[in-house]
């Protein structure tokens, strides 16, 4: 004898399970929903080329970001938003390297 099952409770159970799983992962920090204000655009930064004998003016007020060299890559930390950090990259998404720092090498098996 074949019994017909109502599939609606199975579908609702599956969708509910997925929703609870995603919410649990978000709560514990394993899933992050990025917002626009979380990103710092590269356009916000400008490189001033130093030319011998030429003066340029800088603001006395420091930037909201602090740079640190980690594993040979320049990492920016925001001083106003705790936990916000990022890697400085060029227009090809290549990381800006730090001078005088050893670049990590790939481990060959």
PDB file of N, CA and C in Angstrom:
ATOM      1  N   UNK A   1       0.827  -1.171   0.000  1.00  0.00           N
ATOM      2  CA  UNK A   1       0.000   0.000   0.000  1.00  0.00           C
ATOM      3  C   UNK A   1       0.876   1.241   0.000  1.00  0.00           C
ATOM      4  N   UNK A   2       0.517   2.159  -0.804  1.00  0.00           N
ATOM      5  CA  UNK A   2       1.284   3.407  -0.838  1.00  0.00           C
ATOM      6  C   UNK A   2       0.520   4.493  -0.104  1.00  0.00           C
ATOM      7  N   UNK A   3       1.259   5.224   0.663  1.00  0.00           N
ATOM      8  CA  UNK A   3       0.657   6.339   1.390  1.00  0.00           C
ATOM      9  C   UNK A   3       1.133   7.632   0.757  1.00  0.00           C
ATOM     10  N   UNK A   4       0.235   8.553   0.602  1.00  0.00           N
ATOM     11  CA  UNK A   4       0.611   9.866   0.091  1.00  0.00           C
ATOM     12  C   UNK A   4       0.963  10.743   1.276  1.00  0.00           C
ATOM     13  N   UNK A   5       2.118  11.371   1.193  1.00  0.00           N
ATOM     14  CA  UNK A   5       2.557  12.251   2.264  1.00  0.00           C
ATOM     15  C   UNK A   5       2.332  13.690   1.856  1.00  0.00           C
ATOM     16  N   UNK A   6       2.047  14.497   2.853  1.00  0.00           N
ATOM     17  CA  UNK A   6       1.895  15.918   2.622  1.00  0.00           C
ATOM     18  C   UNK A   6       3.297  16.521   2.628  1.00  0.00           C
ATOM     19  N   UNK A   7       3.731  17.100   1.499  1.00  0.00           N
ATOM     20  CA  UNK A   7       5.097  17.602   1.377  1.00  0.00           C
ATOM     21  C   UNK A   7       5.279  19.001   1.966  1.00  0.00           C
ATOM     22  N   UNK A   8       4.217  19.695   2.231  1.00  0.00           N
ATOM     23  CA  UNK A   8       4.327  21.061   2.759  1.00  0.00           C
ATOM     24  C   UNK A   8       5.047  21.083   4.110  1.00  0.00           C
ATOM     25  N   UNK A   9       4.730  20.221   5.068  1.00  0.00           N
ATOM     26  CA  UNK A   9       5.496  20.245   6.325  1.00  0.00           C
ATOM     27  C   UNK A   9       6.981  19.919   6.126  1.00  0.00           C
ATOM     28  N   UNK A  10       7.311  19.046   5.186  1.00  0.00           N
ATOM     29  CA  UNK A  10       8.714  18.731   4.914  1.00  0.00           C
ATOM     30  C   UNK A  10       9.452  19.949   4.350  1.00  0.00           C
ATOM     31  N   UNK A  11       8.812  20.663   3.438  1.00  0.00           N
ATOM     32  CA  UNK A  11       9.421  21.859   2.859  1.00  0.00           C
ATOM     33  C   UNK A  11       9.603  22.929   3.927  1.00  0.00           C
ATOM     34  N   UNK A  12       8.589  23.153   4.746  1.00  0.00           N
ATOM     35  CA  UNK A  12       8.684  24.155   5.813  1.00  0.00           C
ATOM     36  C   UNK A  12       9.755  23.783   6.829  1.00  0.00           C
ATOM     37  N   UNK A  13       9.886  22.503   7.142  1.00  0.00           N
ATOM     38  CA  UNK A  13      10.924  22.051   8.068  1.00  0.00           C
ATOM     39  C   UNK A  13      12.311  22.302   7.476  1.00  0.00           C
ATOM     40  N   UNK A  14      12.488  22.016   6.199  1.00  0.00           N
ATOM     41  CA  UNK A  14      13.771  22.258   5.533  1.00  0.00           C
ATOM     42  C   UNK A  14      14.127  23.739   5.510  1.00  0.00           C
ATOM     43  N   UNK A  15      13.179  24.592   5.145  1.00  0.00           N
ATOM     44  CA  UNK A  15      13.428  26.033   5.118  1.00  0.00           C
ATOM     45  C   UNK A  15      13.707  26.572   6.521  1.00  0.00           C
ATOM     46  N   UNK A  16      12.977  26.089   7.504  1.00  0.00           N
ATOM     47  CA  UNK A  16      13.211  26.514   8.886  1.00  0.00           C
ATOM     48  C   UNK A  16      14.580  26.098   9.380  1.00  0.00           C
ATOM     49  N   UNK A  17      15.011  24.897   9.029  1.00  0.00           N
ATOM     50  CA  UNK A  17      16.322  24.400   9.426  1.00  0.00           C
ATOM     51  C   UNK A  17      17.434  25.260   8.813  1.00  0.00           C
ATOM     52  N   UNK A  18      17.271  25.595   7.536  1.00  0.00           N
ATOM     53  CA  UNK A  18      18.266  26.441   6.869  1.00  0.00           C
ATOM     54  C   UNK A  18      18.321  27.818   7.534  1.00  0.00           C
ATOM     55  N   UNK A  19      17.168  28.406   7.827  1.00  0.00           N
ATOM     56  CA  UNK A  19      17.129  29.727   8.454  1.00  0.00           C
ATOM     57  C   UNK A  19      17.774  29.704   9.838  1.00  0.00           C
ATOM     58  N   UNK A  20      17.479  28.694  10.639  1.00  0.00           N
ATOM     59  CA  UNK A  20      18.064  28.595  11.984  1.00  0.00           C
ATOM     60  C   UNK A  20      19.572  28.385  11.897  1.00  0.00           C
ATOM     61  N   UNK A  21      20.024  27.594  10.936  1.00  0.00           N
ATOM     62  CA  UNK A  21      21.456  27.353  10.758  1.00  0.00           C
ATOM     63  C   UNK A  21      22.190  28.642  10.388  1.00  0.00           C
ATOM     64  N   UNK A  22      21.655  29.394   9.420  1.00  0.00           N
ATOM     65  CA  UNK A  22      22.290  30.650   9.006  1.00  0.00           C
ATOM     66  C   UNK A  22      22.302  31.651  10.154  1.00  0.00           C
ATOM     67  N   UNK A  23      21.210  31.781  10.880  1.00  0.00           N
ATOM     68  CA  UNK A  23      21.153  32.708  12.014  1.00  0.00           C
ATOM     69  C   UNK A  23      22.125  32.312  13.120  1.00  0.00           C
ATOM     70  N   UNK A  24      22.273  31.031  13.366  1.00  0.00           N
ATOM     71  CA  UNK A  24      23.213  30.563  14.383  1.00  0.00           C
ATOM     72  C   UNK A  24      24.653  30.865  13.968  1.00  0.00           C
ATOM     73  N   UNK A  25      24.979  30.596  12.709  1.00  0.00           N
ATOM     74  CA  UNK A  25      26.322  30.898  12.211  1.00  0.00           C
ATOM     75  C   UNK A  25      26.595  32.399  12.247  1.00  0.00           C
ATOM     76  N   UNK A  26      25.594  33.233  11.932  1.00  0.00           N
ATOM     77  CA  UNK A  26      25.760  34.684  11.993  1.00  0.00           C
ATOM     78  C   UNK A  26      25.977  35.144  13.435  1.00  0.00           C
ATOM     79  N   UNK A  27      25.225  34.584  14.366  1.00  0.00           N
ATOM     80  CA  UNK A  27      25.327  34.971  15.770  1.00  0.00           C
ATOM     81  C   UNK A  27      26.725  34.690  16.324  1.00  0.00           C
ATOM     82  N   UNK A  28      27.304  33.551  15.952  1.00  0.00           N
ATOM     83  CA  UNK A  28      28.628  33.187  16.461  1.00  0.00           C
ATOM     84  C   UNK A  28      29.771  33.753  15.609  1.00  0.00           C
ATOM     85  N   UNK A  29      29.457  34.530  14.569  1.00  0.00           N
ATOM     86  CA  UNK A  29      30.477  35.224  13.803  1.00  0.00           C
ATOM     87  C   UNK A  29      31.079  34.454  12.645  1.00  0.00           C
ATOM     88  N   UNK A  30      30.499  33.329  12.291  1.00  0.00           N
ATOM     89  CA  UNK A  30      31.031  32.559  11.171  1.00  0.00           C
ATOM     90  C   UNK A  30      30.497  33.060   9.831  1.00  0.00           C
ATOM     91  N   UNK A  31      29.398  33.801   9.842  1.00  0.00           N
ATOM     92  CA  UNK A  31      28.826  34.385   8.636  1.00  0.00           C
ATOM     93  C   UNK A  31      28.728  35.884   8.870  1.00  0.00           C
ATOM     94  N   UNK A  32      29.205  36.658   7.897  1.00  0.00           N
ATOM     95  CA  UNK A  32      29.155  38.115   8.017  1.00  0.00           C
ATOM     96  C   UNK A  32      28.437  38.679   6.801  1.00  0.00           C
ATOM     97  N   UNK A  33      27.398  39.460   7.044  1.00  0.00           N
ATOM     98  CA  UNK A  33      26.684  40.128   5.972  1.00  0.00           C
ATOM     99  C   UNK A  33      27.310  41.513   5.815  1.00  0.00           C
ATOM    100  N   UNK A  34      28.062  41.702   4.740  1.00  0.00           N
ATOM    101  CA  UNK A  34      28.811  42.947   4.536  1.00  0.00           C
ATOM    102  C   UNK A  34      27.860  44.096   4.215  1.00  0.00           C
ATOM    103  N   UNK A  35      28.174  45.248   4.803  1.00  0.00           N
ATOM    104  CA  UNK A  35      27.441  46.469   4.526  1.00  0.00           C
ATOM    105  C   UNK A  35      28.380  47.436   3.830  1.00  0.00           C
ATOM    106  N   UNK A  36      27.821  48.426   3.154  1.00  0.00           N
ATOM    107  CA  UNK A  36      28.653  49.394   2.439  1.00  0.00           C
ATOM    108  C   UNK A  36      29.589  50.140   3.370  1.00  0.00           C
ATOM    109  N   UNK A  37      29.129  50.468   4.567  1.00  0.00           N
ATOM    110  CA  UNK A  37      29.969  51.228   5.485  1.00  0.00           C
ATOM    111  C   UNK A  37      31.106  50.391   6.061  1.00  0.00           C
ATOM    112  N   UNK A  38      31.107  49.065   5.845  1.00  0.00           N
ATOM    113  CA  UNK A  38      32.190  48.208   6.315  1.00  0.00           C
ATOM    114  C   UNK A  38      33.425  48.300   5.415  1.00  0.00           C
ATOM    115  N   UNK A  39      33.270  48.805   4.208  1.00  0.00           N
ATOM    116  CA  UNK A  39      34.367  48.806   3.244  1.00  0.00           C
ATOM    117  C   UNK A  39      35.009  50.185   3.157  1.00  0.00           C
ATOM    118  N   UNK A  40      36.323  50.202   3.039  1.00  0.00           N
ATOM    119  CA  UNK A  40      37.059  51.424   2.750  1.00  0.00           C
ATOM    120  C   UNK A  40      37.490  51.342   1.294  1.00  0.00           C
ATOM    121  N   UNK A  41      37.119  52.315   0.516  1.00  0.00           N
ATOM    122  CA  UNK A  41      37.460  52.296  -0.898  1.00  0.00           C
ATOM    123  C   UNK A  41      38.887  52.761  -1.105  1.00  0.00           C
ATOM    124  N   UNK A  42      39.555  52.172  -2.058  1.00  0.00           N
ATOM    125  CA  UNK A  42      40.911  52.586  -2.383  1.00  0.00           C
ATOM    126  C   UNK A  42      40.927  54.026  -2.863  1.00  0.00           C
ATOM    127  N   UNK A  43      39.831  54.497  -3.420  1.00  0.00           N
ATOM    128  CA  UNK A  43      39.752  55.872  -3.901  1.00  0.00           C
ATOM    129  C   UNK A  43      39.882  56.875  -2.762  1.00  0.00           C
ATOM    130  N   UNK A  44      39.673  56.446  -1.536  1.00  0.00           N
ATOM    131  CA  UNK A  44      39.801  57.335  -0.387  1.00  0.00           C
ATOM    132  C   UNK A  44      41.256  57.640  -0.066  1.00  0.00           C
ATOM    133  N   UNK A  45      42.177  56.932  -0.671  1.00  0.00           N
ATOM    134  CA  UNK A  45      43.601  57.105  -0.392  1.00  0.00           C
ATOM    135  C   UNK A  45      44.305  57.621  -1.635  1.00  0.00           C
ATOM    136  N   UNK A  46      45.271  58.493  -1.419  1.00  0.00           N
ATOM    137  CA  UNK A  46      46.051  59.052  -2.522  1.00  0.00           C
ATOM    138  C   UNK A  46      47.520  58.981  -2.150  1.00  0.00           C
ATOM    139  N   UNK A  47      48.336  58.586  -3.103  1.00  0.00           N
ATOM    140  CA  UNK A  47      49.769  58.555  -2.852  1.00  0.00           C
ATOM    141  C   UNK A  47      50.374  59.876  -3.309  1.00  0.00           C
ATOM    142  N   UNK A  48      51.117  60.516  -2.426  1.00  0.00           N
ATOM    143  CA  UNK A  48      51.826  61.738  -2.768  1.00  0.00           C
ATOM    144  C   UNK A  48      53.243  61.367  -3.176  1.00  0.00           C
ATOM    145  N   UNK A  49      53.575  61.641  -4.413  1.00  0.00           N
ATOM    146  CA  UNK A  49      54.915  61.326  -4.909  1.00  0.00           C
ATOM    147  C   UNK A  49      55.884  62.368  -4.391  1.00  0.00           C
ATOM    148  N   UNK A  50      56.969  61.921  -3.800  1.00  0.00           N
ATOM    149  CA  UNK A  50      57.970  62.852  -3.277  1.00  0.00           C
ATOM    150  C   UNK A  50      58.989  63.152  -4.366  1.00  0.00           C
ATOM    151  N   UNK A  51      59.116  64.447  -4.649  1.00  0.00           N
ATOM    152  CA  UNK A  51      60.065  64.914  -5.656  1.00  0.00           C
ATOM    153  C   UNK A  51      61.108  65.758  -4.932  1.00  0.00           C
ATOM    154  N   UNK A  52      62.384  65.455  -5.098  1.00  0.00           N
ATOM    155  CA  UNK A  52      63.431  66.215  -4.403  1.00  0.00           C
ATOM    156  C   UNK A  52      63.330  67.713  -4.698  1.00  0.00           C
ATOM    157  N   UNK A  53      63.365  68.519  -3.621  1.00  0.00           N
ATOM    158  CA  UNK A  53      63.331  69.959  -3.753  1.00  0.00           C
ATOM    159  C   UNK A  53      61.941  70.545  -3.857  1.00  0.00           C
ATOM    160  N   UNK A  54      60.907  69.702  -3.859  1.00  0.00           N
ATOM    161  CA  UNK A  54      59.527  70.195  -3.971  1.00  0.00           C
ATOM    162  C   UNK A  54      58.803  69.975  -2.651  1.00  0.00           C
ATOM    163  N   UNK A  55      58.112  71.006  -2.174  1.00  0.00           N
ATOM    164  CA  UNK A  55      57.380  70.927  -0.913  1.00  0.00           C
ATOM    165  C   UNK A  55      55.920  70.557  -1.169  1.00  0.00           C
ATOM    166  N   UNK A  56      55.319  69.893  -0.206  1.00  0.00           N
ATOM    167  CA  UNK A  56      53.883  69.616  -0.254  1.00  0.00           C
ATOM    168  C   UNK A  56      53.338  69.728   1.157  1.00  0.00           C
ATOM    169  N   UNK A  57      52.058  70.028   1.253  1.00  0.00           N
ATOM    170  CA  UNK A  57      51.435  70.265   2.549  1.00  0.00           C
ATOM    171  C   UNK A  57      50.620  69.051   2.976  1.00  0.00           C
ATOM    172  N   UNK A  58      50.700  68.742   4.265  1.00  0.00           N
ATOM    173  CA  UNK A  58      49.913  67.662   4.868  1.00  0.00           C
ATOM    174  C   UNK A  58      49.117  68.225   6.029  1.00  0.00           C
ATOM    175  N   UNK A  59      48.002  67.616   6.301  1.00  0.00           N
ATOM    176  CA  UNK A  59      47.202  68.016   7.452  1.00  0.00           C
ATOM    177  C   UNK A  59      47.877  67.536   8.732  1.00  0.00           C
ATOM    178  N   UNK A  60      47.787  68.326   9.785  1.00  0.00           N
ATOM    179  CA  UNK A  60      48.350  67.923  11.071  1.00  0.00           C
ATOM    180  C   UNK A  60      47.479  66.873  11.753  1.00  0.00           C
ATOM    181  N   UNK A  61      46.204  66.817  11.367  1.00  0.00           N
ATOM    182  CA  UNK A  61      45.282  65.832  11.935  1.00  0.00           C
ATOM    183  C   UNK A  61      45.566  64.471  11.301  1.00  0.00           C
ATOM    184  N   UNK A  62      45.812  63.446  12.123  1.00  0.00           N
ATOM    185  CA  UNK A  62      46.125  62.130  11.547  1.00  0.00           C
ATOM    186  C   UNK A  62      44.880  61.455  10.966  1.00  0.00           C
ATOM    187  N   UNK A  63      45.115  60.509  10.078  1.00  0.00           N
ATOM    188  CA  UNK A  63      44.031  59.742   9.467  1.00  0.00           C
ATOM    189  C   UNK A  63      43.374  58.833  10.510  1.00  0.00           C
ATOM    190  N   UNK A  64      42.184  58.335  10.180  1.00  0.00           N
ATOM    191  CA  UNK A  64      41.454  57.443  11.083  1.00  0.00           C
ATOM    192  C   UNK A  64      41.980  56.009  11.001  1.00  0.00           C
ATOM    193  N   UNK A  65      42.882  55.765  10.054  1.00  0.00           N
ATOM    194  CA  UNK A  65      43.426  54.429   9.880  1.00  0.00           C
ATOM    195  C   UNK A  65      44.886  54.397  10.317  1.00  0.00           C
ATOM    196  N   UNK A  66      45.293  53.228  10.791  1.00  0.00           N
ATOM    197  CA  UNK A  66      46.683  52.974  11.174  1.00  0.00           C
ATOM    198  C   UNK A  66      47.157  51.783  10.353  1.00  0.00           C
ATOM    199  N   UNK A  67      48.349  51.890   9.766  1.00  0.00           N
ATOM    200  CA  UNK A  67      48.894  50.815   8.948  1.00  0.00           C
ATOM    201  C   UNK A  67      49.918  50.014   9.744  1.00  0.00           C
ATOM    202  N   UNK A  68      49.920  48.725   9.498  1.00  0.00           N
ATOM    203  CA  UNK A  68      50.887  47.843  10.142  1.00  0.00           C
ATOM    204  C   UNK A  68      51.311  46.791   9.125  1.00  0.00           C
ATOM    205  N   UNK A  69      52.559  46.408   9.192  1.00  0.00           N
ATOM    206  CA  UNK A  69      53.085  45.399   8.288  1.00  0.00           C
ATOM    207  C   UNK A  69      52.912  44.020   8.933  1.00  0.00           C
ATOM    208  N   UNK A  70      52.122  43.159   8.300  1.00  0.00           N
ATOM    209  CA  UNK A  70      51.891  41.818   8.821  1.00  0.00           C
ATOM    210  C   UNK A  70      52.204  40.827   7.708  1.00  0.00           C
ATOM    211  N   UNK A  71      53.176  39.964   7.943  1.00  0.00           N
ATOM    212  CA  UNK A  71      53.604  38.958   6.963  1.00  0.00           C
ATOM    213  C   UNK A  71      53.937  39.585   5.609  1.00  0.00           C
ATOM    214  N   UNK A  72      54.547  40.766   5.614  1.00  0.00           N
ATOM    215  CA  UNK A  72      54.980  41.398   4.383  1.00  0.00           C
ATOM    216  C   UNK A  72      53.889  42.125   3.623  1.00  0.00           C
ATOM    217  N   UNK A  73      52.693  42.275   4.202  1.00  0.00           N
ATOM    218  CA  UNK A  73      51.569  42.933   3.545  1.00  0.00           C
ATOM    219  C   UNK A  73      51.127  44.104   4.408  1.00  0.00           C
ATOM    220  N   UNK A  74      50.794  45.242   3.781  1.00  0.00           N
ATOM    221  CA  UNK A  74      50.351  46.423   4.505  1.00  0.00           C
ATOM    222  C   UNK A  74      48.876  46.276   4.873  1.00  0.00           C
ATOM    223  N   UNK A  75      48.596  46.210   6.167  1.00  0.00           N
ATOM    224  CA  UNK A  75      47.233  46.032   6.666  1.00  0.00           C
ATOM    225  C   UNK A  75      46.806  47.326   7.353  1.00  0.00           C
ATOM    226  N   UNK A  76      45.598  47.796   7.035  1.00  0.00           N
ATOM    227  CA  UNK A  76      45.057  49.013   7.633  1.00  0.00           C
ATOM    228  C   UNK A  76      44.048  48.648   8.706  1.00  0.00           C
ATOM    229  N   UNK A  77      44.147  49.335   9.844  1.00  0.00           N
ATOM    230  CA  UNK A  77      43.203  49.163  10.936  1.00  0.00           C
ATOM    231  C   UNK A  77      42.492  50.485  11.169  1.00  0.00           C
ATOM    232  N   UNK A  78      41.180  50.474  11.305  1.00  0.00           N
ATOM    233  CA  UNK A  78      40.410  51.682  11.580  1.00  0.00           C
ATOM    234  C   UNK A  78      40.401  51.928  13.077  1.00  0.00           C
ATOM    235  N   UNK A  79      40.717  53.155  13.493  1.00  0.00           N
ATOM    236  CA  UNK A  79      40.781  53.464  14.923  1.00  0.00           C
ATOM    237  C   UNK A  79      39.424  53.816  15.505  1.00  0.00           C
ATOM    238  N   UNK A  80      38.431  54.096  14.654  1.00  0.00           N
ATOM    239  CA  UNK A  80      37.111  54.466  15.150  1.00  0.00           C
ATOM    240  C   UNK A  80      36.155  53.284  15.234  1.00  0.00           C
ATOM    241  N   UNK A  81      36.230  52.370  14.276  1.00  0.00           N
ATOM    242  CA  UNK A  81      35.349  51.209  14.264  1.00  0.00           C
ATOM    243  C   UNK A  81      36.161  49.989  14.664  1.00  0.00           C
ATOM    244  N   UNK A  82      35.938  49.525  15.866  1.00  0.00           N
ATOM    245  CA  UNK A  82      36.706  48.400  16.403  1.00  0.00           C
ATOM    246  C   UNK A  82      36.512  47.155  15.537  1.00  0.00           C
ATOM    247  N   UNK A  83      37.610  46.515  15.228  1.00  0.00           N
ATOM    248  CA  UNK A  83      37.560  45.276  14.458  1.00  0.00           C
ATOM    249  C   UNK A  83      37.575  45.469  12.956  1.00  0.00           C
ATOM    250  N   UNK A  84      37.486  46.717  12.483  1.00  0.00           N
ATOM    251  CA  UNK A  84      37.491  46.946  11.045  1.00  0.00           C
ATOM    252  C   UNK A  84      38.929  47.043  10.558  1.00  0.00           C
ATOM    253  N   UNK A  85      39.300  46.153   9.655  1.00  0.00           N
ATOM    254  CA  UNK A  85      40.644  46.160   9.094  1.00  0.00           C
ATOM    255  C   UNK A  85      40.575  45.704   7.653  1.00  0.00           C
ATOM    256  N   UNK A  86      41.637  45.962   6.910  1.00  0.00           N
ATOM    257  CA  UNK A  86      41.672  45.550   5.519  1.00  0.00           C
ATOM    258  C   UNK A  86      43.083  45.612   4.985  1.00  0.00           C
ATOM    259  N   UNK A  87      43.274  44.997   3.851  1.00  0.00           N
ATOM    260  CA  UNK A  87      44.572  44.971   3.185  1.00  0.00           C
ATOM    261  C   UNK A  87      44.544  46.018   2.078  1.00  0.00           C
ATOM    262  N   UNK A  88      45.599  46.822   1.996  1.00  0.00           N
ATOM    263  CA  UNK A  88      45.687  47.823   0.946  1.00  0.00           C
ATOM    264  C   UNK A  88      46.094  47.137  -0.353  1.00  0.00           C
ATOM    265  N   UNK A  89      45.282  47.335  -1.409  1.00  0.00           N
ATOM    266  CA  UNK A  89      45.529  46.697  -2.707  1.00  0.00           C
ATOM    267  C   UNK A  89      45.539  47.759  -3.796  1.00  0.00           C
ATOM    268  N   UNK A  90      46.128  47.407  -4.953  1.00  0.00           N
ATOM    269  CA  UNK A  90      46.100  48.313  -6.089  1.00  0.00           C
ATOM    270  C   UNK A  90      44.869  48.026  -6.936  1.00  0.00           C
ATOM    271  N   UNK A  91      44.804  48.647  -8.134  1.00  0.00           N
ATOM    272  CA  UNK A  91      43.609  48.476  -8.965  1.00  0.00           C
ATOM    273  C   UNK A  91      43.468  47.071  -9.543  1.00  0.00           C
ATOM    274  N   UNK A  92      44.501  46.247  -9.428  1.00  0.00           N
ATOM    275  CA  UNK A  92      44.428  44.858  -9.890  1.00  0.00           C
ATOM    276  C   UNK A  92      44.204  43.875  -8.742  1.00  0.00           C
ATOM    277  N   UNK A  93      43.870  44.393  -7.568  1.00  0.00           N
ATOM    278  CA  UNK A  93      43.643  43.607  -6.352  1.00  0.00           C
ATOM    279  C   UNK A  93      44.911  42.896  -5.883  1.00  0.00           C
ATOM    280  N   UNK A  94      46.080  43.490  -6.178  1.00  0.00           N
ATOM    281  CA  UNK A  94      47.353  42.956  -5.704  1.00  0.00           C
ATOM    282  C   UNK A  94      47.710  43.672  -4.414  1.00  0.00           C
ATOM    283  N   UNK A  95      48.082  42.924  -3.400  1.00  0.00           N
ATOM    284  CA  UNK A  95      48.382  43.496  -2.095  1.00  0.00           C
ATOM    285  C   UNK A  95      49.643  44.357  -2.154  1.00  0.00           C
ATOM    286  N   UNK A  96      49.597  45.488  -1.446  1.00  0.00           N
ATOM    287  CA  UNK A  96      50.759  46.367  -1.328  1.00  0.00           C
ATOM    288  C   UNK A  96      51.705  45.749  -0.304  1.00  0.00           C
ATOM    289  N   UNK A  97      52.933  45.499  -0.715  1.00  0.00           N
ATOM    290  CA  UNK A  97      53.932  44.868   0.149  1.00  0.00           C
ATOM    291  C   UNK A  97      54.678  45.905   0.978  1.00  0.00           C
ATOM    292  N   UNK A  98      55.234  45.475   2.081  1.00  0.00           N
ATOM    293  CA  UNK A  98      56.021  46.344   2.952  1.00  0.00           C
ATOM    294  C   UNK A  98      57.504  46.166   2.643  1.00  0.00           C
ATOM    295  N   UNK A  99      58.229  47.272   2.609  1.00  0.00           N
ATOM    296  CA  UNK A  99      59.668  47.222   2.371  1.00  0.00           C
ATOM    297  C   UNK A  99      60.363  46.717   3.629  1.00  0.00           C
ATOM    298  N   UNK A 100      61.367  45.883   3.453  1.00  0.00           N
ATOM    299  CA  UNK A 100      62.126  45.388   4.595  1.00  0.00           C
ATOM    300  C   UNK A 100      61.477  44.221   5.303  1.00  0.00           C
ATOM    301  N   UNK A 101      60.375  43.750   4.802  1.00  0.00           N
ATOM    302  CA  UNK A 101      59.689  42.610   5.400  1.00  0.00           C
ATOM    303  C   UNK A 101      59.837  41.411   4.464  1.00  0.00           C
ATOM    304  N   UNK A 102      60.052  40.264   5.051  1.00  0.00           N
ATOM    305  CA  UNK A 102      60.176  39.048   4.257  1.00  0.00           C
ATOM    306  C   UNK A 102      58.784  38.606   3.805  1.00  0.00           C
ATOM    307  N   UNK A 103      58.649  38.365   2.516  1.00  0.00           N
ATOM    308  CA  UNK A 103      57.374  37.934   1.958  1.00  0.00           C
ATOM    309  C   UNK A 103      57.217  36.434   2.205  1.00  0.00           C
ATOM    310  N   UNK A 104      56.042  35.994   2.705  1.00  0.00           N
ATOM    311  CA  UNK A 104      55.846  34.561   2.947  1.00  0.00           C
ATOM    312  C   UNK A 104      55.957  33.781   1.641  1.00  0.00           C
ATOM    313  N   UNK A 105      56.592  32.654   1.691  1.00  0.00           N
ATOM    314  CA  UNK A 105      56.768  31.797   0.523  1.00  0.00           C
ATOM    315  C   UNK A 105      55.806  30.626   0.607  1.00  0.00           C
ATOM    316  N   UNK A 106      55.403  30.104  -0.564  1.00  0.00           N
ATOM    317  CA  UNK A 106      54.553  28.936  -0.582  1.00  0.00           C
ATOM    318  C   UNK A 106      55.353  27.707  -0.142  1.00  0.00           C
ATOM    319  N   UNK A 107      54.720  26.863   0.640  1.00  0.00           N
ATOM    320  CA  UNK A 107      55.368  25.635   1.080  1.00  0.00           C
ATOM    321  C   UNK A 107      55.206  24.607  -0.023  1.00  0.00           C
ATOM    322  N   UNK A 108      56.324  24.068  -0.475  1.00  0.00           N
ATOM    323  CA  UNK A 108      56.288  23.045  -1.538  1.00  0.00           C
ATOM    324  C   UNK A 108      56.287  21.669  -0.883  1.00  0.00           C
ATOM    325  N   UNK A 109      55.311  20.831  -1.267  1.00  0.00           N
ATOM    326  CA  UNK A 109      55.247  19.479  -0.652  1.00  0.00           C
ATOM    327  C   UNK A 109      56.339  18.574  -1.117  1.00  0.00           C
TER     328      UNK A 109
END
